[in-house]
Amino acid sequence: MVKNLFLIRHAEAEFPDSDKRDFDRRLTGNGMNQATILGEHIQKLPLKLDAIYLSPAIRTLMTGKLVVEQMDYTPRLMDAEELYEATQNLMRAFVNRIDPLFNNVAIIAHNPSIAQLFASLTMTVRDYSPATCTWIELPVDDWKAVASNMGIEKDYYYPGMS
């Protein structure tokens, strides 16, 4: 048995400004297009997501909604407050606590922690521009067994890549 983990950085968001909290930043028009294209890409992959864990920030929730709208199925959407401003260590611990009934899971969160988690699991450094998604295969039966340097990169994608 394997577990499949999709690590997704939210799509392009508004620039921070003094009138709006970072948490409340929304996707730009370009970001909405990116999330839609990303959802179309994920829909074409040869597996279906059981669940998507989302940071509660507006930009991640918007990204998740637009991604799911492109799917012909509906994965379970799971709020995960700890994904907002998470450290790399918290992200690794979060993966170890994913419900073992889920085999195919996505996490939509923020940089730099999403890129750091990818690097830890695969020992590979990848650019994580907005709306980047990596699919990592993990040769484990339970998320508790996930550790560094065990992930196999199956797909790397961001809208607009050639």
N, C-alpha and C. Protein backbone atom coordinates (compact mmCIF):
# COMPACT_ATOMS: atom_id res chain seq x y z
N MET A 1 0.85 -1.19 0.00
CA MET A 1 0.00 0.00 0.00
C MET A 1 0.88 1.24 0.00
N VAL A 2 0.41 2.28 -0.63
CA VAL A 2 1.11 3.56 -0.61
C VAL A 2 0.13 4.66 -0.23
N LYS A 3 0.68 5.75 0.23
CA LYS A 3 -0.08 6.97 0.46
C LYS A 3 0.41 7.99 -0.57
N ASN A 4 -0.51 8.79 -1.05
CA ASN A 4 -0.18 9.84 -2.02
C ASN A 4 -0.49 11.19 -1.41
N LEU A 5 0.51 12.07 -1.46
CA LEU A 5 0.39 13.39 -0.88
C LEU A 5 0.62 14.45 -1.95
N PHE A 6 -0.34 15.36 -2.08
CA PHE A 6 -0.22 16.49 -2.98
C PHE A 6 0.07 17.72 -2.13
N LEU A 7 1.17 18.39 -2.42
CA LEU A 7 1.52 19.61 -1.71
C LEU A 7 1.28 20.78 -2.65
N ILE A 8 0.37 21.67 -2.26
CA ILE A 8 -0.07 22.77 -3.12
C ILE A 8 0.15 24.09 -2.41
N ARG A 9 0.84 24.99 -3.11
CA ARG A 9 0.91 26.36 -2.62
C ARG A 9 -0.29 27.11 -3.18
N HIS A 10 -0.94 27.91 -2.37
CA HIS A 10 -2.09 28.68 -2.83
C HIS A 10 -1.72 29.47 -4.08
N ALA A 11 -2.72 29.81 -4.87
CA ALA A 11 -2.52 30.59 -6.09
C ALA A 11 -2.18 32.04 -5.75
N GLU A 12 -1.89 32.82 -6.78
CA GLU A 12 -1.45 34.21 -6.60
C GLU A 12 -2.47 35.03 -5.81
N ALA A 13 -1.97 35.71 -4.79
CA ALA A 13 -2.83 36.51 -3.91
C ALA A 13 -2.48 37.99 -4.02
N GLU A 14 -3.40 38.80 -3.50
CA GLU A 14 -3.18 40.24 -3.44
C GLU A 14 -1.92 40.54 -2.64
N PHE A 15 -1.27 41.64 -2.97
CA PHE A 15 -0.12 42.08 -2.18
C PHE A 15 -0.60 42.51 -0.81
N PRO A 16 0.21 42.27 0.22
CA PRO A 16 -0.18 42.74 1.55
C PRO A 16 -0.22 44.27 1.58
N ASP A 17 -1.12 44.80 2.35
CA ASP A 17 -1.13 46.25 2.59
C ASP A 17 -1.60 46.52 4.01
N SER A 18 -1.45 47.76 4.42
CA SER A 18 -1.74 48.11 5.81
C SER A 18 -3.24 48.07 6.13
N ASP A 19 -4.09 48.05 5.11
CA ASP A 19 -5.54 48.04 5.34
C ASP A 19 -6.13 46.63 5.49
N LYS A 20 -5.34 45.61 5.21
CA LYS A 20 -5.87 44.25 5.22
C LYS A 20 -4.89 43.31 5.92
N ARG A 21 -5.42 42.47 6.78
CA ARG A 21 -4.59 41.47 7.43
C ARG A 21 -4.09 40.46 6.40
N ASP A 22 -2.92 39.91 6.62
CA ASP A 22 -2.37 38.89 5.73
C ASP A 22 -3.37 37.74 5.57
N PHE A 23 -4.00 37.35 6.64
CA PHE A 23 -4.95 36.24 6.66
C PHE A 23 -6.10 36.46 5.68
N ASP A 24 -6.48 37.72 5.46
CA ASP A 24 -7.65 38.07 4.64
C ASP A 24 -7.33 38.34 3.17
N ARG A 25 -6.08 38.17 2.77
CA ARG A 25 -5.73 38.43 1.37
C ARG A 25 -6.45 37.44 0.46
N ARG A 26 -7.02 37.97 -0.62
CA ARG A 26 -7.79 37.18 -1.58
C ARG A 26 -6.93 36.86 -2.80
N LEU A 27 -7.39 35.93 -3.62
CA LEU A 27 -6.70 35.66 -4.88
C LEU A 27 -6.91 36.82 -5.84
N THR A 28 -5.92 37.06 -6.67
CA THR A 28 -6.05 38.02 -7.76
C THR A 28 -6.83 37.34 -8.89
N GLY A 29 -7.17 38.09 -9.92
CA GLY A 29 -7.78 37.48 -11.10
C GLY A 29 -6.89 36.41 -11.70
N ASN A 30 -5.59 36.71 -11.76
CA ASN A 30 -4.63 35.72 -12.26
C ASN A 30 -4.62 34.49 -11.35
N GLY A 31 -4.66 34.71 -10.05
CA GLY A 31 -4.68 33.60 -9.10
C GLY A 31 -5.90 32.71 -9.27
N MET A 32 -7.04 33.31 -9.54
CA MET A 32 -8.25 32.50 -9.78
C MET A 32 -8.08 31.65 -11.04
N ASN A 33 -7.47 32.22 -12.07
CA ASN A 33 -7.19 31.44 -13.28
C ASN A 33 -6.21 30.31 -12.99
N GLN A 34 -5.17 30.61 -12.21
CA GLN A 34 -4.19 29.58 -11.85
C GLN A 34 -4.85 28.41 -11.12
N ALA A 35 -5.70 28.72 -10.15
CA ALA A 35 -6.36 27.67 -9.37
C ALA A 35 -7.27 26.82 -10.25
N THR A 36 -7.95 27.44 -11.18
CA THR A 36 -8.83 26.71 -12.10
C THR A 36 -8.00 25.77 -12.98
N ILE A 37 -6.92 26.28 -13.53
CA ILE A 37 -6.04 25.45 -14.38
C ILE A 37 -5.43 24.32 -13.57
N LEU A 38 -5.03 24.60 -12.34
CA LEU A 38 -4.47 23.57 -11.47
C LEU A 38 -5.51 22.47 -11.21
N GLY A 39 -6.74 22.86 -10.94
CA GLY A 39 -7.80 21.87 -10.73
C GLY A 39 -8.01 20.99 -11.96
N GLU A 40 -7.94 21.57 -13.14
CA GLU A 40 -8.07 20.80 -14.38
C GLU A 40 -6.93 19.79 -14.50
N HIS A 41 -5.73 20.20 -14.11
CA HIS A 41 -4.58 19.29 -14.15
C HIS A 41 -4.76 18.13 -13.18
N ILE A 42 -5.15 18.43 -11.96
CA ILE A 42 -5.33 17.38 -10.95
C ILE A 42 -6.44 16.41 -11.38
N GLN A 43 -7.49 16.94 -11.97
CA GLN A 43 -8.60 16.10 -12.45
C GLN A 43 -8.11 15.05 -13.44
N LYS A 44 -7.11 15.36 -14.24
CA LYS A 44 -6.60 14.44 -15.27
C LYS A 44 -5.67 13.37 -14.72
N LEU A 45 -5.22 13.52 -13.49
CA LEU A 45 -4.29 12.55 -12.92
C LEU A 45 -5.01 11.24 -12.60
N PRO A 46 -4.26 10.12 -12.55
CA PRO A 46 -4.89 8.80 -12.42
C PRO A 46 -5.28 8.38 -11.01
N LEU A 47 -5.65 9.31 -10.17
CA LEU A 47 -6.17 8.98 -8.84
C LEU A 47 -7.12 10.07 -8.39
N LYS A 48 -7.91 9.77 -7.40
CA LYS A 48 -8.87 10.74 -6.86
C LYS A 48 -8.47 11.06 -5.43
N LEU A 49 -8.51 12.34 -5.11
CA LEU A 49 -8.19 12.77 -3.75
C LEU A 49 -9.31 12.38 -2.80
N ASP A 50 -8.93 11.83 -1.65
CA ASP A 50 -9.90 11.52 -0.60
C ASP A 50 -10.23 12.77 0.21
N ALA A 51 -9.20 13.59 0.44
CA ALA A 51 -9.38 14.77 1.29
C ALA A 51 -8.39 15.86 0.89
N ILE A 52 -8.79 17.09 1.17
CA ILE A 52 -7.91 18.24 1.01
C ILE A 52 -7.91 18.99 2.34
N TYR A 53 -6.72 19.11 2.92
CA TYR A 53 -6.55 19.89 4.15
C TYR A 53 -6.16 21.30 3.74
N LEU A 54 -6.84 22.29 4.32
CA LEU A 54 -6.66 23.68 3.93
C LEU A 54 -6.29 24.56 5.10
N SER A 55 -5.31 25.42 4.88
CA SER A 55 -5.08 26.52 5.81
C SER A 55 -6.35 27.37 5.80
N PRO A 56 -6.72 27.98 6.91
CA PRO A 56 -7.95 28.77 6.93
C PRO A 56 -7.83 30.16 6.30
N ALA A 57 -6.66 30.54 5.80
CA ALA A 57 -6.50 31.86 5.16
C ALA A 57 -7.40 31.93 3.93
N ILE A 58 -7.91 33.11 3.64
CA ILE A 58 -8.85 33.30 2.53
C ILE A 58 -8.26 32.81 1.21
N ARG A 59 -6.99 33.09 0.95
CA ARG A 59 -6.39 32.71 -0.33
C ARG A 59 -6.29 31.20 -0.51
N THR A 60 -6.08 30.45 0.57
CA THR A 60 -6.03 28.99 0.44
C THR A 60 -7.43 28.42 0.27
N LEU A 61 -8.39 28.98 0.99
CA LEU A 61 -9.78 28.52 0.83
C LEU A 61 -10.29 28.77 -0.59
N MET A 62 -9.96 29.95 -1.15
CA MET A 62 -10.36 30.26 -2.52
C MET A 62 -9.68 29.30 -3.51
N THR A 63 -8.40 29.03 -3.29
CA THR A 63 -7.67 28.11 -4.16
C THR A 63 -8.33 26.74 -4.12
N GLY A 64 -8.62 26.24 -2.92
CA GLY A 64 -9.24 24.92 -2.79
C GLY A 64 -10.60 24.84 -3.46
N LYS A 65 -11.41 25.86 -3.29
CA LYS A 65 -12.74 25.88 -3.90
C LYS A 65 -12.64 25.81 -5.42
N LEU A 66 -11.76 26.61 -6.00
CA LEU A 66 -11.62 26.62 -7.46
C LEU A 66 -11.02 25.32 -7.99
N VAL A 67 -10.09 24.73 -7.26
CA VAL A 67 -9.52 23.43 -7.66
C VAL A 67 -10.62 22.37 -7.67
N VAL A 68 -11.39 22.29 -6.61
CA VAL A 68 -12.44 21.26 -6.49
C VAL A 68 -13.53 21.45 -7.55
N GLU A 69 -13.83 22.68 -7.91
CA GLU A 69 -14.86 22.93 -8.94
C GLU A 69 -14.50 22.29 -10.28
N GLN A 70 -13.24 21.97 -10.49
CA GLN A 70 -12.81 21.38 -11.77
C GLN A 70 -12.87 19.85 -11.74
N MET A 71 -13.18 19.29 -10.60
CA MET A 71 -13.17 17.83 -10.44
C MET A 71 -14.55 17.25 -10.67
N ASP A 72 -14.59 16.00 -11.13
CA ASP A 72 -15.87 15.32 -11.31
C ASP A 72 -16.23 14.50 -10.07
N TYR A 73 -15.58 14.78 -8.97
CA TYR A 73 -15.85 14.17 -7.67
C TYR A 73 -15.57 15.24 -6.62
N THR A 74 -15.96 14.98 -5.39
CA THR A 74 -15.75 15.98 -4.34
C THR A 74 -14.99 15.35 -3.18
N PRO A 75 -13.69 15.70 -3.07
CA PRO A 75 -12.95 15.23 -1.91
C PRO A 75 -13.45 15.92 -0.64
N ARG A 76 -13.19 15.32 0.48
CA ARG A 76 -13.57 15.92 1.75
C ARG A 76 -12.66 17.12 2.03
N LEU A 77 -13.24 18.26 2.33
CA LEU A 77 -12.47 19.47 2.64
C LEU A 77 -12.32 19.59 4.15
N MET A 78 -11.08 19.70 4.59
CA MET A 78 -10.77 19.67 6.01
C MET A 78 -10.03 20.95 6.41
N ASP A 79 -10.64 21.74 7.30
CA ASP A 79 -9.96 22.93 7.82
C ASP A 79 -8.82 22.48 8.73
N ALA A 80 -7.69 23.13 8.56
CA ALA A 80 -6.52 22.78 9.38
C ALA A 80 -5.84 24.08 9.81
N GLU A 81 -6.28 24.62 10.91
CA GLU A 81 -5.81 25.92 11.40
C GLU A 81 -4.30 25.99 11.53
N GLU A 82 -3.68 24.87 11.91
CA GLU A 82 -2.25 24.88 12.14
C GLU A 82 -1.42 25.05 10.85
N LEU A 83 -2.05 24.94 9.69
CA LEU A 83 -1.31 25.12 8.44
C LEU A 83 -1.01 26.58 8.12
N TYR A 84 -1.71 27.51 8.77
CA TYR A 84 -1.42 28.93 8.56
C TYR A 84 -0.21 29.30 9.40
N GLU A 85 0.82 29.82 8.76
CA GLU A 85 2.08 30.19 9.40
C GLU A 85 2.78 29.00 10.04
N ALA A 86 2.63 27.82 9.45
CA ALA A 86 3.25 26.61 9.98
C ALA A 86 4.75 26.60 9.71
N THR A 87 5.48 26.02 10.63
CA THR A 87 6.91 25.79 10.43
C THR A 87 7.08 24.45 9.71
N GLN A 88 8.29 24.20 9.25
CA GLN A 88 8.57 22.93 8.60
C GLN A 88 8.32 21.75 9.56
N ASN A 89 8.73 21.88 10.80
CA ASN A 89 8.51 20.79 11.77
C ASN A 89 7.03 20.55 12.01
N LEU A 90 6.25 21.62 12.10
CA LEU A 90 4.81 21.46 12.30
C LEU A 90 4.18 20.78 11.09
N MET A 91 4.65 21.12 9.90
CA MET A 91 4.11 20.49 8.68
C MET A 91 4.40 18.99 8.69
N ARG A 92 5.60 18.60 9.07
CA ARG A 92 5.94 17.16 9.11
C ARG A 92 5.07 16.45 10.15
N ALA A 93 4.89 17.07 11.30
CA ALA A 93 4.04 16.47 12.34
C ALA A 93 2.60 16.39 11.87
N PHE A 94 2.14 17.40 11.12
CA PHE A 94 0.78 17.39 10.60
C PHE A 94 0.57 16.19 9.68
N VAL A 95 1.51 15.93 8.78
CA VAL A 95 1.40 14.78 7.87
C VAL A 95 1.28 13.48 8.66
N ASN A 96 2.04 13.35 9.75
CA ASN A 96 1.98 12.14 10.56
C ASN A 96 0.64 11.95 11.27
N ARG A 97 -0.17 13.02 11.34
CA ARG A 97 -1.48 12.95 12.01
C ARG A 97 -2.65 12.87 11.03
N ILE A 98 -2.37 12.75 9.73
CA ILE A 98 -3.46 12.64 8.76
C ILE A 98 -4.24 11.35 9.03
N ASP A 99 -5.54 11.42 8.88
CA ASP A 99 -6.41 10.27 9.11
C ASP A 99 -5.95 9.08 8.26
N PRO A 100 -5.66 7.94 8.89
CA PRO A 100 -5.14 6.78 8.14
C PRO A 100 -6.15 6.19 7.14
N LEU A 101 -7.41 6.56 7.26
CA LEU A 101 -8.40 6.07 6.29
C LEU A 101 -8.24 6.75 4.92
N PHE A 102 -7.57 7.90 4.89
CA PHE A 102 -7.32 8.61 3.64
C PHE A 102 -6.03 8.10 3.01
N ASN A 103 -6.10 7.74 1.74
CA ASN A 103 -4.90 7.31 1.01
C ASN A 103 -4.33 8.39 0.11
N ASN A 104 -5.19 9.26 -0.43
CA ASN A 104 -4.79 10.29 -1.37
C ASN A 104 -5.22 11.65 -0.83
N VAL A 105 -4.24 12.44 -0.39
CA VAL A 105 -4.52 13.66 0.34
C VAL A 105 -3.77 14.83 -0.27
N ALA A 106 -4.40 15.99 -0.29
CA ALA A 106 -3.74 17.24 -0.68
C ALA A 106 -3.69 18.16 0.53
N ILE A 107 -2.64 18.94 0.59
CA ILE A 107 -2.51 20.01 1.57
C ILE A 107 -2.35 21.30 0.77
N ILE A 108 -3.23 22.26 1.02
CA ILE A 108 -3.09 23.58 0.40
C ILE A 108 -2.68 24.55 1.50
N ALA A 109 -1.46 25.08 1.36
CA ALA A 109 -0.91 25.93 2.40
C ALA A 109 0.01 26.99 1.78
N HIS A 110 1.02 27.38 2.53
CA HIS A 110 1.82 28.57 2.23
C HIS A 110 3.30 28.23 2.13
N ASN A 111 4.01 29.11 1.47
CA ASN A 111 5.47 29.04 1.46
C ASN A 111 5.99 29.86 2.64
N PRO A 112 7.15 29.54 3.18
CA PRO A 112 8.10 28.56 2.69
C PRO A 112 7.85 27.14 3.18
N SER A 113 6.90 26.95 4.09
CA SER A 113 6.76 25.64 4.74
C SER A 113 6.35 24.54 3.76
N ILE A 114 5.54 24.85 2.74
CA ILE A 114 5.11 23.80 1.81
C ILE A 114 6.31 23.31 0.98
N ALA A 115 7.17 24.25 0.55
CA ALA A 115 8.37 23.87 -0.20
C ALA A 115 9.37 23.14 0.69
N GLN A 116 9.46 23.54 1.94
CA GLN A 116 10.37 22.87 2.87
C GLN A 116 9.92 21.44 3.15
N LEU A 117 8.60 21.24 3.27
CA LEU A 117 8.10 19.88 3.48
C LEU A 117 8.40 19.02 2.27
N PHE A 118 8.19 19.55 1.07
CA PHE A 118 8.53 18.80 -0.14
C PHE A 118 10.00 18.40 -0.13
N ALA A 119 10.88 19.36 0.16
CA ALA A 119 12.32 19.09 0.18
C ALA A 119 12.68 18.03 1.22
N SER A 120 12.04 18.08 2.37
CA SER A 120 12.31 17.10 3.42
C SER A 120 11.87 15.69 3.00
N LEU A 121 10.72 15.60 2.37
CA LEU A 121 10.20 14.27 1.99
C LEU A 121 10.92 13.65 0.81
N THR A 122 11.41 14.48 -0.11
CA THR A 122 12.00 13.97 -1.35
C THR A 122 13.49 14.21 -1.47
N MET A 123 14.06 15.03 -0.62
CA MET A 123 15.45 15.45 -0.71
C MET A 123 15.74 16.11 -2.06
N THR A 124 14.74 16.84 -2.55
CA THR A 124 14.83 17.58 -3.80
C THR A 124 14.32 18.99 -3.55
N VAL A 125 14.98 19.96 -4.14
CA VAL A 125 14.52 21.35 -4.02
C VAL A 125 13.79 21.71 -5.31
N ARG A 126 12.60 22.24 -5.16
CA ARG A 126 11.77 22.68 -6.29
C ARG A 126 11.30 24.11 -6.03
N ASP A 127 11.13 24.85 -7.11
CA ASP A 127 10.54 26.17 -7.00
C ASP A 127 9.06 25.99 -6.68
N TYR A 128 8.57 26.74 -5.74
CA TYR A 128 7.15 26.68 -5.36
C TYR A 128 6.51 28.04 -5.58
N SER A 129 6.41 28.44 -6.85
CA SER A 129 5.70 29.68 -7.17
C SER A 129 4.21 29.47 -6.89
N PRO A 130 3.40 30.52 -6.87
CA PRO A 130 1.97 30.35 -6.58
C PRO A 130 1.31 29.30 -7.49
N ALA A 131 0.45 28.49 -6.89
CA ALA A 131 -0.32 27.42 -7.55
C ALA A 131 0.53 26.24 -7.98
N THR A 132 1.72 26.10 -7.42
CA THR A 132 2.53 24.91 -7.68
C THR A 132 1.96 23.73 -6.92
N CYS A 133 1.99 22.57 -7.57
CA CYS A 133 1.51 21.33 -6.97
C CYS A 133 2.50 20.22 -7.25
N THR A 134 2.85 19.48 -6.22
CA THR A 134 3.65 18.27 -6.41
C THR A 134 2.89 17.09 -5.85
N TRP A 135 3.00 15.98 -6.55
CA TRP A 135 2.41 14.72 -6.12
C TRP A 135 3.57 13.86 -5.64
N ILE A 136 3.49 13.43 -4.40
CA ILE A 136 4.53 12.61 -3.79
C ILE A 136 3.93 11.26 -3.40
N GLU A 137 4.55 10.20 -3.84
CA GLU A 137 4.14 8.85 -3.43
C GLU A 137 4.98 8.44 -2.23
N LEU A 138 4.32 7.93 -1.21
CA LEU A 138 4.99 7.53 0.03
C LEU A 138 4.74 6.04 0.28
N PRO A 139 5.80 5.23 0.34
CA PRO A 139 5.64 3.78 0.49
C PRO A 139 5.34 3.36 1.94
N VAL A 140 4.18 3.77 2.43
CA VAL A 140 3.77 3.47 3.81
C VAL A 140 2.30 3.06 3.83
N ASP A 141 1.92 2.36 4.88
CA ASP A 141 0.52 1.99 5.09
C ASP A 141 -0.21 2.99 5.98
N ASP A 142 0.55 3.76 6.74
CA ASP A 142 -0.03 4.71 7.69
C ASP A 142 0.78 6.00 7.64
N TRP A 143 0.09 7.12 7.70
CA TRP A 143 0.75 8.42 7.67
C TRP A 143 1.74 8.58 8.82
N LYS A 144 1.53 7.87 9.93
CA LYS A 144 2.43 7.96 11.07
C LYS A 144 3.85 7.54 10.70
N ALA A 145 3.98 6.71 9.67
CA ALA A 145 5.29 6.19 9.27
C ALA A 145 6.04 7.11 8.30
N VAL A 146 5.41 8.18 7.87
CA VAL A 146 6.07 9.09 6.91
C VAL A 146 7.26 9.77 7.59
N ALA A 147 8.40 9.74 6.89
CA ALA A 147 9.63 10.35 7.39
C ALA A 147 10.38 11.01 6.24
N SER A 148 11.41 11.72 6.60
CA SER A 148 12.23 12.40 5.59
C SER A 148 12.84 11.41 4.61
N ASN A 149 13.05 11.89 3.39
CA ASN A 149 13.76 11.15 2.34
C ASN A 149 13.09 9.85 1.93
N MET A 150 11.77 9.78 2.02
CA MET A 150 11.09 8.55 1.58
C MET A 150 10.13 8.81 0.44
N GLY A 151 9.88 10.07 0.10
CA GLY A 151 8.91 10.39 -0.93
C GLY A 151 9.46 10.25 -2.33
N ILE A 152 8.61 9.81 -3.23
CA ILE A 152 8.94 9.69 -4.65
C ILE A 152 8.09 10.69 -5.41
N GLU A 153 8.74 11.64 -6.06
CA GLU A 153 8.01 12.64 -6.83
C GLU A 153 7.39 12.00 -8.07
N LYS A 154 6.06 12.09 -8.17
CA LYS A 154 5.33 11.52 -9.30
C LYS A 154 4.92 12.59 -10.31
N ASP A 155 4.72 13.83 -9.85
CA ASP A 155 4.27 14.89 -10.73
C ASP A 155 4.65 16.23 -10.11
N TYR A 156 5.05 17.16 -10.97
CA TYR A 156 5.35 18.53 -10.57
C TYR A 156 4.67 19.42 -11.58
N TYR A 157 3.85 20.35 -11.10
CA TYR A 157 3.08 21.16 -12.04
C TYR A 157 2.78 22.54 -11.46
N TYR A 158 2.82 23.53 -12.34
CA TYR A 158 2.28 24.84 -12.01
C TYR A 158 1.67 25.39 -13.29
N PRO A 159 0.58 26.13 -13.19
CA PRO A 159 -0.08 26.67 -14.38
C PRO A 159 0.88 27.51 -15.21
N GLY A 160 0.91 27.24 -16.50
CA GLY A 160 1.78 27.98 -17.40
C GLY A 160 3.10 27.31 -17.69
N MET A 161 3.40 26.21 -16.99
CA MET A 161 4.68 25.55 -17.29
C MET A 161 4.60 24.89 -18.65
N SER A 162 5.73 24.82 -19.32
CA SER A 162 5.73 24.23 -20.66
C SER A 162 6.14 22.79 -20.65
